[in-house]
Amino acid sequence: MTGALRRSEVDGILTLTLNKPELRNPISDKDVLAAVVQAICHATADHEEAVNAFLEKRAPSFTAA
């Protein structure tokens, strides 16, 4: 992922790296904060279930995991 946040997943471990060194990586920057929240939401099992359910044209079965 390019931009404000870099995302890396190895062996099931998600690492998010702030990527605006010229601005000293301000978490208060709305774009950085939005990228962090989006990356966390996309890393959940429920997000994967939502995408799969949509692609398979079925109702999702969420687990809050």
PDB file of N, CA and C in Angstrom:
ATOM      1  N   MET A   1       0.852  -1.177   0.000  1.00  0.00           N
ATOM      2  CA  MET A   1       0.000   0.000   0.000  1.00  0.00           C
ATOM      3  C   MET A   1       0.894   1.235   0.000  1.00  0.00           C
ATOM      4  N   THR A   2       0.610   2.156  -0.831  1.00  0.00           N
ATOM      5  CA  THR A   2       1.379   3.388  -0.873  1.00  0.00           C
ATOM      6  C   THR A   2       0.589   4.489  -0.192  1.00  0.00           C
ATOM      7  N   GLY A   3       1.220   5.602   0.034  1.00  0.00           N
ATOM      8  CA  GLY A   3       0.528   6.721   0.660  1.00  0.00           C
ATOM      9  C   GLY A   3       0.859   6.835   2.131  1.00  0.00           C
ATOM     10  N   ALA A   4      -0.145   7.184   2.920  1.00  0.00           N
ATOM     11  CA  ALA A   4       0.057   7.483   4.333  1.00  0.00           C
ATOM     12  C   ALA A   4       0.364   6.256   5.174  1.00  0.00           C
ATOM     13  N   LEU A   5       0.036   5.081   4.681  1.00  0.00           N
ATOM     14  CA  LEU A   5       0.170   3.873   5.485  1.00  0.00           C
ATOM     15  C   LEU A   5       0.662   2.718   4.628  1.00  0.00           C
ATOM     16  N   ARG A   6       1.631   1.982   5.164  1.00  0.00           N
ATOM     17  CA  ARG A   6       2.083   0.760   4.503  1.00  0.00           C
ATOM     18  C   ARG A   6       1.530  -0.416   5.293  1.00  0.00           C
ATOM     19  N   ARG A   7       1.049  -1.426   4.580  1.00  0.00           N
ATOM     20  CA  ARG A   7       0.438  -2.604   5.199  1.00  0.00           C
ATOM     21  C   ARG A   7       1.238  -3.826   4.790  1.00  0.00           C
ATOM     22  N   SER A   8       1.593  -4.655   5.773  1.00  0.00           N
ATOM     23  CA  SER A   8       2.321  -5.879   5.489  1.00  0.00           C
ATOM     24  C   SER A   8       1.751  -6.988   6.363  1.00  0.00           C
ATOM     25  N   GLU A   9       1.524  -8.154   5.765  1.00  0.00           N
ATOM     26  CA  GLU A   9       1.026  -9.293   6.539  1.00  0.00           C
ATOM     27  C   GLU A   9       1.931 -10.483   6.288  1.00  0.00           C
ATOM     28  N   VAL A  10       2.502 -11.023   7.373  1.00  0.00           N
ATOM     29  CA  VAL A  10       3.381 -12.178   7.297  1.00  0.00           C
ATOM     30  C   VAL A  10       2.954 -13.159   8.383  1.00  0.00           C
ATOM     31  N   ASP A  11       2.712 -14.388   8.008  1.00  0.00           N
ATOM     32  CA  ASP A  11       2.305 -15.439   8.951  1.00  0.00           C
ATOM     33  C   ASP A  11       1.123 -15.018   9.813  1.00  0.00           C
ATOM     34  N   GLY A  12       0.157 -14.336   9.213  1.00  0.00           N
ATOM     35  CA  GLY A  12      -1.048 -13.944   9.929  1.00  0.00           C
ATOM     36  C   GLY A  12      -0.905 -12.732  10.825  1.00  0.00           C
ATOM     37  N   ILE A  13       0.250 -12.080  10.799  1.00  0.00           N
ATOM     38  CA  ILE A  13       0.467 -10.888  11.624  1.00  0.00           C
ATOM     39  C   ILE A  13       0.468  -9.662  10.723  1.00  0.00           C
ATOM     40  N   LEU A  14      -0.450  -8.742  11.005  1.00  0.00           N
ATOM     41  CA  LEU A  14      -0.582  -7.513  10.228  1.00  0.00           C
ATOM     42  C   LEU A  14       0.280  -6.422  10.852  1.00  0.00           C
ATOM     43  N   THR A  15       1.131  -5.811  10.042  1.00  0.00           N
ATOM     44  CA  THR A  15       1.952  -4.693  10.493  1.00  0.00           C
ATOM     45  C   THR A  15       1.564  -3.462   9.690  1.00  0.00           C
ATOM     46  N   LEU A  16       1.185  -2.398  10.392  1.00  0.00           N
ATOM     47  CA  LEU A  16       0.851  -1.122   9.766  1.00  0.00           C
ATOM     48  C   LEU A  16       1.975  -0.144  10.081  1.00  0.00           C
ATOM     49  N   THR A  17       2.535   0.472   9.043  1.00  0.00           N
ATOM     50  CA  THR A  17       3.636   1.412   9.216  1.00  0.00           C
ATOM     51  C   THR A  17       3.217   2.776   8.692  1.00  0.00           C
ATOM     52  N   LEU A  18       3.271   3.775   9.559  1.00  0.00           N
ATOM     53  CA  LEU A  18       2.971   5.139   9.127  1.00  0.00           C
ATOM     54  C   LEU A  18       4.048   5.567   8.148  1.00  0.00           C
ATOM     55  N   ASN A  19       3.655   6.198   7.047  1.00  0.00           N
ATOM     56  CA  ASN A  19       4.577   6.440   5.948  1.00  0.00           C
ATOM     57  C   ASN A  19       4.591   7.906   5.506  1.00  0.00           C
ATOM     58  N   LYS A  20       4.660   8.808   6.467  1.00  0.00           N
ATOM     59  CA  LYS A  20       4.792  10.235   6.149  1.00  0.00           C
ATOM     60  C   LYS A  20       5.926  10.830   6.994  1.00  0.00           C
ATOM     61  N   PRO A  21       7.156  10.361   6.777  1.00  0.00           N
ATOM     62  CA  PRO A  21       8.254  10.840   7.624  1.00  0.00           C
ATOM     63  C   PRO A  21       8.496  12.344   7.510  1.00  0.00           C
ATOM     64  N   GLU A  22       8.182  12.914   6.341  1.00  0.00           N
ATOM     65  CA  GLU A  22       8.393  14.355   6.184  1.00  0.00           C
ATOM     66  C   GLU A  22       7.469  15.153   7.099  1.00  0.00           C
ATOM     67  N   LEU A  23       6.374  14.551   7.533  1.00  0.00           N
ATOM     68  CA  LEU A  23       5.441  15.215   8.452  1.00  0.00           C
ATOM     69  C   LEU A  23       5.530  14.627   9.859  1.00  0.00           C
ATOM     70  N   ARG A  24       6.520  13.787  10.086  1.00  0.00           N
ATOM     71  CA  ARG A  24       6.749  13.132  11.375  1.00  0.00           C
ATOM     72  C   ARG A  24       5.578  12.242  11.783  1.00  0.00           C
ATOM     73  N   ASN A  25       4.881  11.678  10.789  1.00  0.00           N
ATOM     74  CA  ASN A  25       3.819  10.694  10.983  1.00  0.00           C
ATOM     75  C   ASN A  25       2.758  11.107  11.991  1.00  0.00           C
ATOM     76  N   PRO A  26       2.076  12.220  11.743  1.00  0.00           N
ATOM     77  CA  PRO A  26       1.059  12.673  12.695  1.00  0.00           C
ATOM     78  C   PRO A  26      -0.196  11.804  12.635  1.00  0.00           C
ATOM     79  N   ILE A  27      -0.535  11.151  13.729  1.00  0.00           N
ATOM     80  CA  ILE A  27      -1.743  10.335  13.757  1.00  0.00           C
ATOM     81  C   ILE A  27      -2.979  11.227  13.761  1.00  0.00           C
ATOM     82  N   SER A  28      -2.811  12.498  14.067  1.00  0.00           N
ATOM     83  CA  SER A  28      -3.938  13.427  14.067  1.00  0.00           C
ATOM     84  C   SER A  28      -4.328  13.866  12.651  1.00  0.00           C
ATOM     85  N   ASP A  29      -3.453  13.626  11.676  1.00  0.00           N
ATOM     86  CA  ASP A  29      -3.769  13.942  10.283  1.00  0.00           C
ATOM     87  C   ASP A  29      -4.951  13.077   9.853  1.00  0.00           C
ATOM     88  N   LYS A  30      -6.010  13.691   9.332  1.00  0.00           N
ATOM     89  CA  LYS A  30      -7.234  12.937   9.033  1.00  0.00           C
ATOM     90  C   LYS A  30      -7.015  11.849   7.993  1.00  0.00           C
ATOM     91  N   ASP A  31      -6.119  12.061   7.040  1.00  0.00           N
ATOM     92  CA  ASP A  31      -5.859  11.036   6.029  1.00  0.00           C
ATOM     93  C   ASP A  31      -5.141   9.833   6.635  1.00  0.00           C
ATOM     94  N   VAL A  32      -4.198  10.093   7.536  1.00  0.00           N
ATOM     95  CA  VAL A  32      -3.478   9.009   8.202  1.00  0.00           C
ATOM     96  C   VAL A  32      -4.436   8.225   9.093  1.00  0.00           C
ATOM     97  N   LEU A  33      -5.238   8.932   9.861  1.00  0.00           N
ATOM     98  CA  LEU A  33      -6.194   8.276  10.751  1.00  0.00           C
ATOM     99  C   LEU A  33      -7.189   7.435   9.955  1.00  0.00           C
ATOM    100  N   ALA A  34      -7.687   7.959   8.855  1.00  0.00           N
ATOM    101  CA  ALA A  34      -8.625   7.211   8.010  1.00  0.00           C
ATOM    102  C   ALA A  34      -7.963   5.957   7.444  1.00  0.00           C
ATOM    103  N   ALA A  35      -6.714   6.064   7.036  1.00  0.00           N
ATOM    104  CA  ALA A  35      -5.995   4.908   6.494  1.00  0.00           C
ATOM    105  C   ALA A  35      -5.793   3.836   7.559  1.00  0.00           C
ATOM    106  N   VAL A  36      -5.482   4.244   8.786  1.00  0.00           N
ATOM    107  CA  VAL A  36      -5.294   3.293   9.883  1.00  0.00           C
ATOM    108  C   VAL A  36      -6.607   2.565  10.180  1.00  0.00           C
ATOM    109  N   VAL A  37      -7.687   3.312  10.323  1.00  0.00           N
ATOM    110  CA  VAL A  37      -8.990   2.710  10.626  1.00  0.00           C
ATOM    111  C   VAL A  37      -9.418   1.767   9.506  1.00  0.00           C
ATOM    112  N   GLN A  38      -9.247   2.182   8.263  1.00  0.00           N
ATOM    113  CA  GLN A  38      -9.628   1.341   7.131  1.00  0.00           C
ATOM    114  C   GLN A  38      -8.806   0.052   7.103  1.00  0.00           C
ATOM    115  N   ALA A  39      -7.512   0.144   7.341  1.00  0.00           N
ATOM    116  CA  ALA A  39      -6.654  -1.044   7.329  1.00  0.00           C
ATOM    117  C   ALA A  39      -7.052  -2.017   8.429  1.00  0.00           C
ATOM    118  N   ILE A  40      -7.382  -1.498   9.603  1.00  0.00           N
ATOM    119  CA  ILE A  40      -7.803  -2.363  10.708  1.00  0.00           C
ATOM    120  C   ILE A  40      -9.124  -3.048  10.365  1.00  0.00           C
ATOM    121  N   CYS A  41     -10.070  -2.301   9.836  1.00  0.00           N
ATOM    122  CA  CYS A  41     -11.374  -2.877   9.466  1.00  0.00           C
ATOM    123  C   CYS A  41     -11.234  -3.937   8.382  1.00  0.00           C
ATOM    124  N   HIS A  42     -10.366  -3.707   7.428  1.00  0.00           N
ATOM    125  CA  HIS A  42     -10.187  -4.656   6.330  1.00  0.00           C
ATOM    126  C   HIS A  42      -9.453  -5.913   6.776  1.00  0.00           C
ATOM    127  N   ALA A  43      -8.821  -5.886   7.936  1.00  0.00           N
ATOM    128  CA  ALA A  43      -8.061  -7.035   8.420  1.00  0.00           C
ATOM    129  C   ALA A  43      -8.916  -8.014   9.221  1.00  0.00           C
ATOM    130  N   THR A  44     -10.200  -7.731   9.404  1.00  0.00           N
ATOM    131  CA  THR A  44     -11.045  -8.583  10.234  1.00  0.00           C
ATOM    132  C   THR A  44     -11.637  -9.744   9.442  1.00  0.00           C
ATOM    133  N   ALA A  45     -11.978 -10.795  10.166  1.00  0.00           N
ATOM    134  CA  ALA A  45     -12.640 -11.944   9.548  1.00  0.00           C
ATOM    135  C   ALA A  45     -14.011 -11.547   9.015  1.00  0.00           C
ATOM    136  N   ASP A  46     -14.683 -10.611   9.703  1.00  0.00           N
ATOM    137  CA  ASP A  46     -15.996 -10.168   9.236  1.00  0.00           C
ATOM    138  C   ASP A  46     -15.909  -9.455   7.891  1.00  0.00           C
ATOM    139  N   HIS A  47     -14.844  -8.717   7.659  1.00  0.00           N
ATOM    140  CA  HIS A  47     -14.680  -8.065   6.352  1.00  0.00           C
ATOM    141  C   HIS A  47     -14.505  -9.118   5.265  1.00  0.00           C
ATOM    142  N   GLU A  48     -13.677 -10.110   5.542  1.00  0.00           N
ATOM    143  CA  GLU A  48     -13.480 -11.189   4.570  1.00  0.00           C
ATOM    144  C   GLU A  48     -14.801 -11.913   4.300  1.00  0.00           C
ATOM    145  N   GLU A  49     -15.574 -12.164   5.361  1.00  0.00           N
ATOM    146  CA  GLU A  49     -16.880 -12.811   5.200  1.00  0.00           C
ATOM    147  C   GLU A  49     -17.821 -11.945   4.370  1.00  0.00           C
ATOM    148  N   ALA A  50     -17.813 -10.638   4.596  1.00  0.00           N
ATOM    149  CA  ALA A  50     -18.673  -9.728   3.835  1.00  0.00           C
ATOM    150  C   ALA A  50     -18.331  -9.766   2.347  1.00  0.00           C
ATOM    151  N   VAL A  51     -17.059  -9.726   2.034  1.00  0.00           N
ATOM    152  CA  VAL A  51     -16.628  -9.769   0.630  1.00  0.00           C
ATOM    153  C   VAL A  51     -17.017 -11.100  -0.005  1.00  0.00           C
ATOM    154  N   ASN A  52     -16.737 -12.203   0.710  1.00  0.00           N
ATOM    155  CA  ASN A  52     -17.073 -13.521   0.166  1.00  0.00           C
ATOM    156  C   ASN A  52     -18.579 -13.684  -0.026  1.00  0.00           C
ATOM    157  N   ALA A  53     -19.364 -13.234   0.941  1.00  0.00           N
ATOM    158  CA  ALA A  53     -20.822 -13.331   0.831  1.00  0.00           C
ATOM    159  C   ALA A  53     -21.322 -12.532  -0.372  1.00  0.00           C
ATOM    160  N   PHE A  54     -20.782 -11.352  -0.559  1.00  0.00           N
ATOM    161  CA  PHE A  54     -21.172 -10.527  -1.710  1.00  0.00           C
ATOM    162  C   PHE A  54     -20.842 -11.237  -3.022  1.00  0.00           C
ATOM    163  N   LEU A  55     -19.627 -11.753  -3.119  1.00  0.00           N
ATOM    164  CA  LEU A  55     -19.202 -12.419  -4.355  1.00  0.00           C
ATOM    165  C   LEU A  55     -20.002 -13.692  -4.620  1.00  0.00           C
ATOM    166  N   GLU A  56     -20.405 -14.375  -3.530  1.00  0.00           N
ATOM    167  CA  GLU A  56     -21.159 -15.624  -3.664  1.00  0.00           C
ATOM    168  C   GLU A  56     -22.672 -15.391  -3.672  1.00  0.00           C
ATOM    169  N   LYS A  57     -23.073 -14.113  -3.604  1.00  0.00           N
ATOM    170  CA  LYS A  57     -24.494 -13.728  -3.630  1.00  0.00           C
ATOM    171  C   LYS A  57     -25.296 -14.446  -2.547  1.00  0.00           C
ATOM    172  N   ARG A  58     -24.804 -14.344  -1.311  1.00  0.00           N
ATOM    173  CA  ARG A  58     -25.482 -14.955  -0.172  1.00  0.00           C
ATOM    174  C   ARG A  58     -25.442 -13.992   1.008  1.00  0.00           C
ATOM    175  N   ALA A  59     -26.239 -14.286   2.020  1.00  0.00           N
ATOM    176  CA  ALA A  59     -26.236 -13.454   3.224  1.00  0.00           C
ATOM    177  C   ALA A  59     -24.965 -13.733   4.025  1.00  0.00           C
ATOM    178  N   PRO A  60     -24.346 -12.702   4.591  1.00  0.00           N
ATOM    179  CA  PRO A  60     -23.137 -12.911   5.385  1.00  0.00           C
ATOM    180  C   PRO A  60     -23.463 -13.518   6.751  1.00  0.00           C
ATOM    181  N   SER A  61     -22.493 -14.198   7.314  1.00  0.00           N
ATOM    182  CA  SER A  61     -22.606 -14.755   8.660  1.00  0.00           C
ATOM    183  C   SER A  61     -21.481 -14.149   9.494  1.00  0.00           C
ATOM    184  N   PHE A  62     -21.765 -13.025  10.150  1.00  0.00           N
ATOM    185  CA  PHE A  62     -20.751 -12.296  10.905  1.00  0.00           C
ATOM    186  C   PHE A  62     -20.507 -12.933  12.268  1.00  0.00           C
ATOM    187  N   THR A  63     -19.260 -12.844  12.750  1.00  0.00           N
ATOM    188  CA  THR A  63     -18.886 -13.447  14.032  1.00  0.00           C
ATOM    189  C   THR A  63     -18.304 -12.443  15.019  1.00  0.00           C
ATOM    190  N   ALA A  64     -18.105 -11.209  14.589  1.00  0.00           N
ATOM    191  CA  ALA A  64     -17.456 -10.177  15.409  1.00  0.00           C
ATOM    192  C   ALA A  64     -16.019 -10.556  15.739  1.00  0.00           C
ATOM    193  N   ALA A  65     -15.394 -11.334  14.862  1.00  0.00           N
ATOM    194  CA  ALA A  65     -14.006 -11.750  15.086  1.00  0.00           C
ATOM    195  C   ALA A  65     -13.059 -10.837  14.350  1.00  0.00           C
TER     196      ALA A  65
END
